[in-house]
């Protein structure tokens, strides 16, 4: 039996909210939701901040209360998180929102932790998955995978292409990627989690290292290539 713990944020966040709804849709029990507070990240400034604005409805604490889900506020890499996992006897983690998780957290869950990455792994690994896809001339994908102690390097579960059309802007492709993440999560819930079936996965054999966050100059180059890249894969 899967005893699921959700790694999310302690502030309104669409993906965190939607993942909870999807799990409940399939009557999958959430043994705990661990919400991490906001932190300031030392990353290159994003030069393209346009997004399709879909605002979450609930504070995570409130949504968990509605669904009777045990709610905790904790740094995901803290001893407190390890204690919560042991207390709830959780054995599988789902990432709805998290920073890089450390090995001791990953190892504390018998069946591992599952992530959904907006890019083909390993080629478009790392924080800027879509922009690396553009930069490296790779089709846009969503990869469902287990995590390990390297970034976007754990065993692959699913891989699905994100379909493009002529009128897509970058923010449209981002949004489509989000929708594919939800579709893949639903597939995981329907085929494996709700039926308590083993989750099949395959080792990523050509992984060398993860892409680093793009510099502003790299971001500019990727954005300039967007239209040409899009037309190639329509």
Protein backbone atom coordinates (compact mmCIF):
# COMPACT_ATOMS: atom_id res chain seq x y z
CA UNK A 1 0.00 0.00 0.00
CA UNK A 2 1.26 3.45 -0.89
CA UNK A 3 1.32 5.89 2.02
CA UNK A 4 1.69 9.19 0.25
CA UNK A 5 3.19 12.41 1.50
CA UNK A 6 2.99 15.57 -0.61
CA UNK A 7 5.85 18.06 -0.72
CA UNK A 8 4.41 21.49 -1.42
CA UNK A 9 4.53 25.13 -0.41
CA UNK A 10 3.08 27.02 2.53
CA UNK A 11 1.54 29.68 0.32
CA UNK A 12 -1.10 29.65 -2.44
CA UNK A 13 0.29 27.74 -5.42
CA UNK A 14 -1.73 26.36 -8.33
CA UNK A 15 0.18 23.12 -8.83
CA UNK A 16 0.09 22.28 -5.12
CA UNK A 17 -3.64 22.89 -5.06
CA UNK A 18 -4.36 20.92 -8.22
CA UNK A 19 -2.25 17.92 -7.16
CA UNK A 20 -4.24 17.66 -3.93
CA UNK A 21 -7.51 17.76 -5.90
CA UNK A 22 -6.25 15.06 -8.29
CA UNK A 23 -5.25 12.72 -5.47
CA UNK A 24 -8.63 13.19 -3.81
CA UNK A 25 -10.41 12.64 -7.14
CA UNK A 26 -8.98 9.12 -7.19
CA UNK A 27 -9.70 8.56 -3.48
CA UNK A 28 -5.99 8.34 -2.71
CA UNK A 29 -5.22 9.07 0.91
CA UNK A 30 -2.67 11.79 1.64
CA UNK A 31 -0.92 10.91 4.88
CA UNK A 32 0.60 14.40 5.19
CA UNK A 33 1.18 17.63 3.29
CA UNK A 34 4.47 19.32 4.13
CA UNK A 35 4.43 23.01 3.20
CA UNK A 36 7.73 24.86 2.86
CA UNK A 37 7.85 28.63 3.40
CA UNK A 38 9.07 31.03 0.74
CA UNK A 39 12.82 31.51 0.50
CA UNK A 40 14.85 34.02 -1.46
CA UNK A 41 16.84 32.22 -4.15
CA UNK A 42 20.14 33.47 -5.49
CA UNK A 43 19.38 32.86 -9.17
CA UNK A 44 19.86 34.88 -12.38
CA UNK A 45 17.03 37.35 -12.95
CA UNK A 46 14.32 36.14 -15.33
CA UNK A 47 14.08 38.40 -18.37
CA UNK A 48 10.79 36.85 -19.57
CA UNK A 49 8.20 36.83 -16.81
CA UNK A 50 4.99 36.51 -18.82
CA UNK A 51 2.70 33.71 -17.68
CA UNK A 52 -0.90 32.71 -18.14
CA UNK A 53 -2.20 33.85 -14.79
CA UNK A 54 -4.24 31.17 -13.04
CA UNK A 55 -4.62 32.10 -9.41
CA UNK A 56 -5.00 29.38 -6.78
CA UNK A 57 -8.17 29.53 -4.73
CA UNK A 58 -7.08 28.16 -1.36
CA UNK A 59 -4.31 28.61 1.15
CA UNK A 60 -2.76 25.10 1.42
CA UNK A 61 -3.61 24.88 5.11
CA UNK A 62 -7.28 25.64 4.41
CA UNK A 63 -7.53 23.13 1.56
CA UNK A 64 -5.92 20.43 3.72
CA UNK A 65 -8.43 21.21 6.46
CA UNK A 66 -11.32 20.81 4.00
CA UNK A 67 -9.98 17.41 2.91
CA UNK A 68 -8.89 16.38 6.43
CA UNK A 69 -5.23 16.10 5.40
CA UNK A 70 -2.59 16.45 8.15
CA UNK A 71 -0.79 19.73 7.41
CA UNK A 72 2.73 20.64 8.51
CA UNK A 73 4.99 23.63 7.91
CA UNK A 74 8.58 22.53 7.55
CA UNK A 75 11.76 23.07 5.56
CA UNK A 76 11.71 20.01 3.31
CA UNK A 77 15.34 19.19 4.08
CA UNK A 78 15.01 19.48 7.85
CA UNK A 79 15.07 16.90 10.64
CA UNK A 80 11.46 17.90 11.30
CA UNK A 81 10.47 16.62 7.85
CA UNK A 82 12.20 13.29 8.50
CA UNK A 83 10.31 13.01 11.79
CA UNK A 84 6.99 13.74 10.05
CA UNK A 85 7.67 11.04 7.45
CA UNK A 86 8.46 8.52 10.20
CA UNK A 87 5.49 9.57 12.31
CA UNK A 88 3.05 9.14 9.41
CA UNK A 89 4.83 5.97 8.22
CA UNK A 90 4.86 7.45 4.71
CA UNK A 91 6.59 5.46 1.97
CA UNK A 92 6.09 7.50 -1.23
CA UNK A 93 6.58 11.20 -1.88
CA UNK A 94 4.95 13.36 -4.54
CA UNK A 95 6.49 16.73 -5.40
CA UNK A 96 3.87 19.40 -6.01
CA UNK A 97 6.33 22.16 -5.15
CA UNK A 98 9.84 21.85 -3.70
CA UNK A 99 13.45 22.90 -3.96
CA UNK A 100 16.23 20.32 -4.36
CA UNK A 101 15.74 17.54 -1.80
CA UNK A 102 18.67 16.00 0.04
CA UNK A 103 19.60 12.32 0.02
CA UNK A 104 18.49 11.63 3.60
CA UNK A 105 14.97 12.85 2.79
CA UNK A 106 14.81 10.79 -0.41
CA UNK A 107 16.06 7.66 1.37
CA UNK A 108 13.50 8.08 4.16
CA UNK A 109 10.70 7.02 1.77
CA UNK A 110 10.74 3.32 0.86
CA UNK A 111 9.27 3.76 -2.63
CA UNK A 112 10.99 7.05 -3.40
CA UNK A 113 9.82 10.50 -4.46
CA UNK A 114 8.18 11.34 -7.79
CA UNK A 115 8.69 14.61 -9.69
CA UNK A 116 7.23 16.08 -12.89
CA UNK A 117 9.78 17.98 -14.98
CA UNK A 118 8.90 20.37 -17.83
CA UNK A 119 11.50 19.06 -20.24
CA UNK A 120 13.09 15.94 -21.72
CA UNK A 121 15.54 14.41 -19.26
CA UNK A 122 18.51 14.57 -19.25
CA UNK A 123 18.88 16.92 -22.22
CA UNK A 124 16.58 19.64 -20.81
CA UNK A 125 17.18 18.99 -17.13
CA UNK A 126 17.44 21.73 -14.53
CA UNK A 127 15.46 24.81 -13.62
CA UNK A 128 14.96 26.27 -17.11
CA UNK A 129 13.65 23.16 -18.84
CA UNK A 130 11.69 24.92 -21.58
CA UNK A 131 14.43 27.40 -22.42
CA UNK A 132 17.03 24.62 -22.54
CA UNK A 133 14.71 22.73 -24.90
CA UNK A 134 14.67 25.76 -27.19
CA UNK A 135 18.41 26.36 -26.88
CA UNK A 136 19.29 22.71 -27.64
CA UNK A 137 16.61 22.23 -30.33
CA UNK A 138 14.77 19.53 -28.38
CA UNK A 139 11.04 18.84 -28.60
CA UNK A 140 9.10 20.07 -25.55
CA UNK A 141 8.33 17.24 -23.14
CA UNK A 142 7.15 16.53 -19.63
CA UNK A 143 9.12 13.80 -17.85
CA UNK A 144 7.70 11.97 -14.84
CA UNK A 145 10.54 10.50 -12.83
CA UNK A 146 11.83 9.37 -9.47
CA UNK A 147 14.37 11.71 -7.94
CA UNK A 148 17.81 10.81 -6.63
CA UNK A 149 20.77 12.78 -5.28
CA UNK A 150 21.41 14.39 -8.67
CA UNK A 151 19.19 16.99 -10.35
CA UNK A 152 16.60 15.43 -12.70
CA UNK A 153 18.52 12.17 -12.92
CA UNK A 154 16.32 9.56 -11.26
CA UNK A 155 14.59 6.73 -13.11
CA UNK A 156 12.06 7.75 -15.75
CA UNK A 157 8.42 6.71 -15.31
CA UNK A 158 6.65 8.51 -18.18
CA UNK A 159 7.63 10.88 -20.98
CA UNK A 160 5.09 12.84 -23.01
CA UNK A 161 5.55 15.40 -25.78
CA UNK A 162 3.90 18.81 -25.46
CA UNK A 163 2.11 19.61 -28.71
CA UNK A 164 2.69 23.04 -30.28
CA UNK A 165 0.74 25.18 -32.72
CA UNK A 166 1.58 28.22 -34.82
CA UNK A 167 0.03 30.80 -32.48
CA UNK A 168 1.77 29.64 -29.31
CA UNK A 169 3.78 32.13 -27.29
CA UNK A 170 6.34 31.03 -24.70
CA UNK A 171 3.78 31.44 -21.92
CA UNK A 172 1.34 29.24 -23.88
CA UNK A 173 3.93 26.47 -24.09
CA UNK A 174 4.60 26.82 -20.36
CA UNK A 175 0.88 26.50 -19.69
CA UNK A 176 0.55 23.48 -21.98
CA UNK A 177 3.45 21.86 -20.12
CA UNK A 178 1.61 22.41 -16.83
CA UNK A 179 -1.52 20.78 -18.28
CA UNK A 180 0.51 17.79 -19.46
CA UNK A 181 1.98 17.47 -15.95
CA UNK A 182 -1.56 17.20 -14.59
CA UNK A 183 -2.49 14.64 -17.26
CA UNK A 184 0.55 12.54 -16.42
CA UNK A 185 -0.18 12.76 -12.70
CA UNK A 186 -3.75 11.63 -13.34
CA UNK A 187 -2.39 8.69 -15.35
CA UNK A 188 -0.08 7.78 -12.48
CA UNK A 189 -2.97 7.98 -10.00
CA UNK A 190 -5.35 5.99 -12.18
CA UNK A 191 -2.95 3.26 -13.31
CA UNK A 192 -0.79 2.75 -10.23
CA UNK A 193 -1.47 4.72 -7.06
CA UNK A 194 -5.21 4.02 -6.81
CA UNK A 195 -4.73 0.36 -7.76
CA UNK A 196 -1.68 -0.12 -5.50
CA UNK A 197 0.37 -1.35 -8.45
CA UNK A 198 4.13 -1.18 -8.69
CA UNK A 199 5.31 1.89 -10.59
CA UNK A 200 7.51 0.83 -13.54
CA UNK A 201 10.56 2.93 -14.33
CA UNK A 202 13.69 2.87 -16.47
CA UNK A 203 17.18 4.07 -15.70
CA UNK A 204 18.40 7.18 -17.53
CA UNK A 205 21.63 5.95 -19.11
CA UNK A 206 22.98 9.06 -20.85
CA UNK A 207 22.99 11.44 -17.86
CA UNK A 208 26.20 13.43 -17.36
CA UNK A 209 25.19 16.48 -15.36
CA UNK A 210 22.27 18.84 -15.00
CA UNK A 211 21.92 22.12 -16.87
CA UNK A 212 22.60 25.11 -14.66
CA UNK A 213 20.10 27.99 -14.33
CA UNK A 214 20.37 30.11 -17.46
CA UNK A 215 22.22 33.39 -17.36
CA UNK A 216 20.38 36.43 -18.70
CA UNK A 217 22.42 36.21 -21.89
CA UNK A 218 21.48 32.56 -22.39
CA UNK A 219 17.84 33.41 -21.74
CA UNK A 220 17.94 36.13 -24.42
CA UNK A 221 19.40 33.72 -26.98
CA UNK A 222 16.75 31.09 -26.23
CA UNK A 223 13.91 33.62 -26.52
CA UNK A 224 15.25 34.83 -29.88
CA UNK A 225 15.25 31.22 -31.13
CA UNK A 226 11.70 30.51 -29.95
CA UNK A 227 9.81 31.11 -33.23
CA UNK A 228 12.25 29.07 -35.31
CA UNK A 229 12.22 26.27 -32.72
CA UNK A 230 8.41 26.27 -32.55
CA UNK A 231 7.98 26.01 -36.32
CA UNK A 232 10.37 23.05 -36.41
CA UNK A 233 8.16 21.00 -34.08
CA UNK A 234 4.63 21.96 -35.13
